[in-house]
Amino acid sequence: MQANMAETVRAEPGGRAIGWIGAGKMGAPMIRNLLASGTTVAVTEPDRKIVQDLERAGAVSAGTLDQHSQNGIVFATLPNDKVLRDVVLGTKDTTGLMHHMARGSIFVEMSTVSPDCSTEIATALQDCGIAYLRAPLSGSTALAEKAALTVLASGDEQAWTTVLPMVKVLSARQFYLGAGEEARYMKLVINTLVGASSAILAEAVALGESGGLSRASMMDVICESAVASPLFKYKTDAVVSADYSPAFTIEQMIKDFSLISDAGRANGVPLLTTGLILELYRAAANSGLRDQDFFALVKWQADISA
């Protein structure tokens, strides 16, 4: 099956390389999976060491955005709204990707960004005749390495059909959700629940410890109870050992919860609990945990409960 996918990828578009902009923690392992499938990937990434590592795996360096002019499909994994705007629309010093990609090409953006920013990008790309797919990711860097991510997609449906063989090389589950910003909202829905899970577990564990329970015994029971979840199981070792080496930081969760709050405000949806959770993450960040994993809320709660 993988070989068939690779053949499909190489045939689209016209045997040329696909492009990839942004090869950080999530982008690099996805690029490696595409390279392993036989796909040629031209990479734009400011960190030269990352590019060199990917070149050794078979990637091609595309130092500037204009080098994607021959790539009929370009993926991107970018950190935030500002960088997405700068890449696609350009800045006072650079020409944006929208002016380099050919009409009829496809831009697949896989980051967590605001629906408002995404709508702005959609309008600009439509005016240039470029199909736009929103395809944010659900999953960790470990899942990216294993090609076990979930991809949430919306946008041009024909473009989705074209890129789906490539997306399947990168992921275990794919959901096409609609023609507009549905994928952006779905990612915010998932992140709301993920961020809330850490917040409520922190309080539950603090309560249990006050009654003499160990973290290990609590997590054993929780993970076999009605509230068990893959997330709690995945984070059990971190909670029990109090090792909060970051997979997804508190600072990143603050960014995502700010996007969630802004989207709710824009649509007239009161998000009272979400607002409180955002303040919990901000308090934990201010206590020195900003760069720790977001489940370090357990540590923060334990500290203020002592």
Foldseek 3Di string as FASTA:
>chain_A
DLQVLLVLQCVPPPNDAAEEEACPLQNVLLLLLNVVSVGEYEYAHPPVVSVVVVVVSPYHYDPDLLSNLPHLEYEYEDDELVVVCCQAPNDPVGHHNLVRHAANGEYEYAYQYALVSVVVSCVSNVVSNYWYKYWHWDDFSVCQNVLAIETEIEADPVVCVSCVSSNSSRHDHYHYDYHGCVSNVVVLVVLLVVLVVLQVVLVVVLVVVVVPDALLVVLVVCCVDPNHDPSSVVCSVCLRVVQQAARAFLLNSLVSLVSSVVVCVVVVHDDPVSVVSSVLSVVCVVVPRRNTYSSCSNVVSNVVSD
